């Protein structure tokens, strides 16, 4: 299966019609062998720079959230008003550099096993992902 067909399939599975703009979003998101973090505004600028095409922020937003809802992307909330998205959907931890506004992957072996002592009746832990906020030493 070629890349274009994979993009069409991702879009359709996510409930989206495969348009020229959405295919470009897929190319930027899933065309690289390396995973990366982004905000919706950053992704919009990346698409504009790489694909030389302007896509409305609403289209980017709706596409990203449809992909997140289907498990193609992971959302990392920094605070109540700021989220990053990650193309690496595996369970892993992050540093967030407050001064550079940058999300950095932390591998499982960089963090000691975490023991959660509290339980919630009728619930089980699905995953534990740590967000460590860092800043300059000054």
C-alpha atoms as a PDB file:
ATOM      1  CA  UNK A   1       0.000   0.000   0.000  1.00  0.00           C
ATOM      2  CA  UNK A   2       1.466   3.377  -0.988  1.00  0.00           C
ATOM      3  CA  UNK A   3       1.597   6.419   1.297  1.00  0.00           C
ATOM      4  CA  UNK A   4      -1.289   8.208  -0.431  1.00  0.00           C
ATOM      5  CA  UNK A   5      -3.573   5.216   0.117  1.00  0.00           C
ATOM      6  CA  UNK A   6      -2.524   5.067   3.806  1.00  0.00           C
ATOM      7  CA  UNK A   7      -3.395   8.756   4.168  1.00  0.00           C
ATOM      8  CA  UNK A   8      -6.770   8.234   2.477  1.00  0.00           C
ATOM      9  CA  UNK A   9      -7.447   5.305   4.825  1.00  0.00           C
ATOM     10  CA  UNK A  10      -6.458   7.289   7.950  1.00  0.00           C
ATOM     11  CA  UNK A  11      -8.692  10.159   6.919  1.00  0.00           C
ATOM     12  CA  UNK A  12     -11.664   7.958   6.099  1.00  0.00           C
ATOM     13  CA  UNK A  13     -11.258   5.908   9.296  1.00  0.00           C
ATOM     14  CA  UNK A  14     -11.208   9.207  11.188  1.00  0.00           C
ATOM     15  CA  UNK A  15     -14.497  10.223   9.580  1.00  0.00           C
ATOM     16  CA  UNK A  16     -12.928  12.808   7.272  1.00  0.00           C
ATOM     17  CA  UNK A  17     -13.191  13.265   3.535  1.00  0.00           C
ATOM     18  CA  UNK A  18      -9.732  13.053   1.880  1.00  0.00           C
ATOM     19  CA  UNK A  19      -9.276  16.568   0.487  1.00  0.00           C
ATOM     20  CA  UNK A  20      -6.095  18.074  -0.963  1.00  0.00           C
ATOM     21  CA  UNK A  21      -5.580  20.070   2.252  1.00  0.00           C
ATOM     22  CA  UNK A  22      -6.049  17.056   4.537  1.00  0.00           C
ATOM     23  CA  UNK A  23      -3.669  14.954   2.423  1.00  0.00           C
ATOM     24  CA  UNK A  24      -1.042  17.708   2.933  1.00  0.00           C
ATOM     25  CA  UNK A  25      -1.663  17.581   6.684  1.00  0.00           C
ATOM     26  CA  UNK A  26      -1.087  13.798   6.569  1.00  0.00           C
ATOM     27  CA  UNK A  27       2.112  14.208   4.560  1.00  0.00           C
ATOM     28  CA  UNK A  28       3.569  16.553   7.174  1.00  0.00           C
ATOM     29  CA  UNK A  29       2.335  14.484  10.133  1.00  0.00           C
ATOM     30  CA  UNK A  30       3.064  10.963   8.956  1.00  0.00           C
ATOM     31  CA  UNK A  31       5.578  11.376   6.118  1.00  0.00           C
ATOM     32  CA  UNK A  32       8.632  11.540   8.370  1.00  0.00           C
ATOM     33  CA  UNK A  33      10.387   8.584   9.937  1.00  0.00           C
ATOM     34  CA  UNK A  34      10.903  10.625  13.115  1.00  0.00           C
ATOM     35  CA  UNK A  35       8.136  11.441  15.560  1.00  0.00           C
ATOM     36  CA  UNK A  36       7.667  15.027  16.715  1.00  0.00           C
ATOM     37  CA  UNK A  37       5.637  17.331  18.977  1.00  0.00           C
ATOM     38  CA  UNK A  38       3.607  20.299  17.807  1.00  0.00           C
ATOM     39  CA  UNK A  39       0.855  22.742  18.608  1.00  0.00           C
ATOM     40  CA  UNK A  40      -1.885  23.256  16.044  1.00  0.00           C
ATOM     41  CA  UNK A  41      -0.506  26.702  15.166  1.00  0.00           C
ATOM     42  CA  UNK A  42       3.020  25.282  14.774  1.00  0.00           C
ATOM     43  CA  UNK A  43       1.726  22.533  12.494  1.00  0.00           C
ATOM     44  CA  UNK A  44      -0.167  25.064  10.416  1.00  0.00           C
ATOM     45  CA  UNK A  45       3.071  27.043   9.904  1.00  0.00           C
ATOM     46  CA  UNK A  46       5.013  23.850   9.108  1.00  0.00           C
ATOM     47  CA  UNK A  47       2.488  22.928   6.418  1.00  0.00           C
ATOM     48  CA  UNK A  48       2.648  26.417   4.983  1.00  0.00           C
ATOM     49  CA  UNK A  49       6.479  26.291   4.855  1.00  0.00           C
ATOM     50  CA  UNK A  50       6.925  22.684   3.671  1.00  0.00           C
ATOM     51  CA  UNK A  51       3.980  22.310   1.306  1.00  0.00           C
ATOM     52  CA  UNK A  52       3.733  25.969   0.299  1.00  0.00           C
ATOM     53  CA  UNK A  53      -0.018  25.818   0.850  1.00  0.00           C
ATOM     54  CA  UNK A  54      -2.263  27.791   3.201  1.00  0.00           C
ATOM     55  CA  UNK A  55      -4.796  25.655   5.087  1.00  0.00           C
ATOM     56  CA  UNK A  56      -7.342  27.209   7.409  1.00  0.00           C
ATOM     57  CA  UNK A  57      -6.631  26.802  11.100  1.00  0.00           C
ATOM     58  CA  UNK A  58     -10.105  25.272  11.505  1.00  0.00           C
ATOM     59  CA  UNK A  59      -9.275  22.509   8.991  1.00  0.00           C
ATOM     60  CA  UNK A  60      -5.997  21.768  10.760  1.00  0.00           C
ATOM     61  CA  UNK A  61      -7.733  21.804  14.166  1.00  0.00           C
ATOM     62  CA  UNK A  62     -10.567  19.499  13.076  1.00  0.00           C
ATOM     63  CA  UNK A  63      -8.195  17.073  11.328  1.00  0.00           C
ATOM     64  CA  UNK A  64      -5.837  16.884  14.329  1.00  0.00           C
ATOM     65  CA  UNK A  65      -8.678  16.238  16.759  1.00  0.00           C
ATOM     66  CA  UNK A  66     -10.197  13.561  14.507  1.00  0.00           C
ATOM     67  CA  UNK A  67      -6.778  11.844  14.340  1.00  0.00           C
ATOM     68  CA  UNK A  68      -6.376  12.139  18.113  1.00  0.00           C
ATOM     69  CA  UNK A  69      -9.791  10.601  18.698  1.00  0.00           C
ATOM     70  CA  UNK A  70      -8.828   7.593  16.533  1.00  0.00           C
ATOM     71  CA  UNK A  71      -5.447   7.139  18.267  1.00  0.00           C
ATOM     72  CA  UNK A  72      -3.168   8.379  15.471  1.00  0.00           C
ATOM     73  CA  UNK A  73      -1.940  11.260  17.649  1.00  0.00           C
ATOM     74  CA  UNK A  74      -1.563  11.820  21.374  1.00  0.00           C
ATOM     75  CA  UNK A  75      -2.483  15.073  23.141  1.00  0.00           C
ATOM     76  CA  UNK A  76      -0.275  16.303  25.982  1.00  0.00           C
ATOM     77  CA  UNK A  77      -1.912  19.051  28.055  1.00  0.00           C
ATOM     78  CA  UNK A  78       0.602  21.481  29.508  1.00  0.00           C
ATOM     79  CA  UNK A  79      -2.048  23.505  31.329  1.00  0.00           C
ATOM     80  CA  UNK A  80      -5.754  24.201  30.964  1.00  0.00           C
ATOM     81  CA  UNK A  81      -5.256  26.360  27.874  1.00  0.00           C
ATOM     82  CA  UNK A  82      -2.206  24.884  26.124  1.00  0.00           C
ATOM     83  CA  UNK A  83      -1.779  21.470  24.500  1.00  0.00           C
ATOM     84  CA  UNK A  84       0.839  19.801  22.359  1.00  0.00           C
ATOM     85  CA  UNK A  85       0.303  16.826  20.103  1.00  0.00           C
ATOM     86  CA  UNK A  86       2.698  13.934  19.621  1.00  0.00           C
ATOM     87  CA  UNK A  87       3.028  11.665  16.594  1.00  0.00           C
ATOM     88  CA  UNK A  88       4.515   9.032  18.938  1.00  0.00           C
ATOM     89  CA  UNK A  89       1.415   7.409  20.401  1.00  0.00           C
ATOM     90  CA  UNK A  90       3.241   4.895  22.616  1.00  0.00           C
ATOM     91  CA  UNK A  91       3.184   5.374  26.394  1.00  0.00           C
ATOM     92  CA  UNK A  92       6.167   7.543  27.293  1.00  0.00           C
ATOM     93  CA  UNK A  93       7.105  10.474  29.506  1.00  0.00           C
ATOM     94  CA  UNK A  94       8.019  14.076  28.678  1.00  0.00           C
ATOM     95  CA  UNK A  95      10.038  17.054  29.825  1.00  0.00           C
ATOM     96  CA  UNK A  96       8.433  20.394  29.073  1.00  0.00           C
ATOM     97  CA  UNK A  97      10.940  23.255  28.847  1.00  0.00           C
ATOM     98  CA  UNK A  98       9.039  26.284  30.159  1.00  0.00           C
ATOM     99  CA  UNK A  99      11.485  28.857  28.780  1.00  0.00           C
ATOM    100  CA  UNK A 100      11.739  27.364  25.280  1.00  0.00           C
ATOM    101  CA  UNK A 101       8.131  26.088  25.135  1.00  0.00           C
ATOM    102  CA  UNK A 102       9.440  22.735  23.946  1.00  0.00           C
ATOM    103  CA  UNK A 103       8.287  19.189  24.668  1.00  0.00           C
ATOM    104  CA  UNK A 104      11.069  16.568  24.915  1.00  0.00           C
ATOM    105  CA  UNK A 105      10.593  12.794  25.034  1.00  0.00           C
ATOM    106  CA  UNK A 106      11.730  10.863  28.096  1.00  0.00           C
ATOM    107  CA  UNK A 107      12.170   7.137  27.617  1.00  0.00           C
ATOM    108  CA  UNK A 108      10.777   4.644  30.150  1.00  0.00           C
ATOM    109  CA  UNK A 109      14.301   3.735  31.266  1.00  0.00           C
ATOM    110  CA  UNK A 110      14.901   7.423  32.162  1.00  0.00           C
ATOM    111  CA  UNK A 111      12.216   7.176  34.888  1.00  0.00           C
ATOM    112  CA  UNK A 112      12.131   4.769  37.809  1.00  0.00           C
ATOM    113  CA  UNK A 113       8.986   2.653  38.071  1.00  0.00           C
ATOM    114  CA  UNK A 114       6.149   4.705  39.524  1.00  0.00           C
ATOM    115  CA  UNK A 115       4.040   3.239  42.298  1.00  0.00           C
ATOM    116  CA  UNK A 116       0.480   4.510  42.554  1.00  0.00           C
ATOM    117  CA  UNK A 117      -0.970   3.711  45.978  1.00  0.00           C
ATOM    118  CA  UNK A 118      -4.449   5.179  45.588  1.00  0.00           C
ATOM    119  CA  UNK A 119      -7.176   3.332  43.737  1.00  0.00           C
ATOM    120  CA  UNK A 120     -10.554   4.477  42.531  1.00  0.00           C
ATOM    121  CA  UNK A 121     -13.324   1.899  42.926  1.00  0.00           C
ATOM    122  CA  UNK A 122     -14.440   0.472  39.599  1.00  0.00           C
ATOM    123  CA  UNK A 123     -11.451   1.951  37.739  1.00  0.00           C
ATOM    124  CA  UNK A 124      -8.088   0.562  36.682  1.00  0.00           C
ATOM    125  CA  UNK A 125      -4.979   2.437  35.626  1.00  0.00           C
ATOM    126  CA  UNK A 126      -4.619   2.455  31.852  1.00  0.00           C
ATOM    127  CA  UNK A 127      -1.203   4.143  31.754  1.00  0.00           C
ATOM    128  CA  UNK A 128       1.065   6.425  33.731  1.00  0.00           C
ATOM    129  CA  UNK A 129       2.767   9.197  31.832  1.00  0.00           C
ATOM    130  CA  UNK A 130       4.908  11.771  33.609  1.00  0.00           C
ATOM    131  CA  UNK A 131       5.222  15.404  32.502  1.00  0.00           C
ATOM    132  CA  UNK A 132       8.271  17.060  34.093  1.00  0.00           C
ATOM    133  CA  UNK A 133       8.344  20.839  33.724  1.00  0.00           C
ATOM    134  CA  UNK A 134      11.826  22.330  33.552  1.00  0.00           C
ATOM    135  CA  UNK A 135      13.151  25.889  33.393  1.00  0.00           C
ATOM    136  CA  UNK A 136      16.443  27.756  33.340  1.00  0.00           C
ATOM    137  CA  UNK A 137      18.417  27.521  36.580  1.00  0.00           C
ATOM    138  CA  UNK A 138      18.400  31.276  37.219  1.00  0.00           C
END
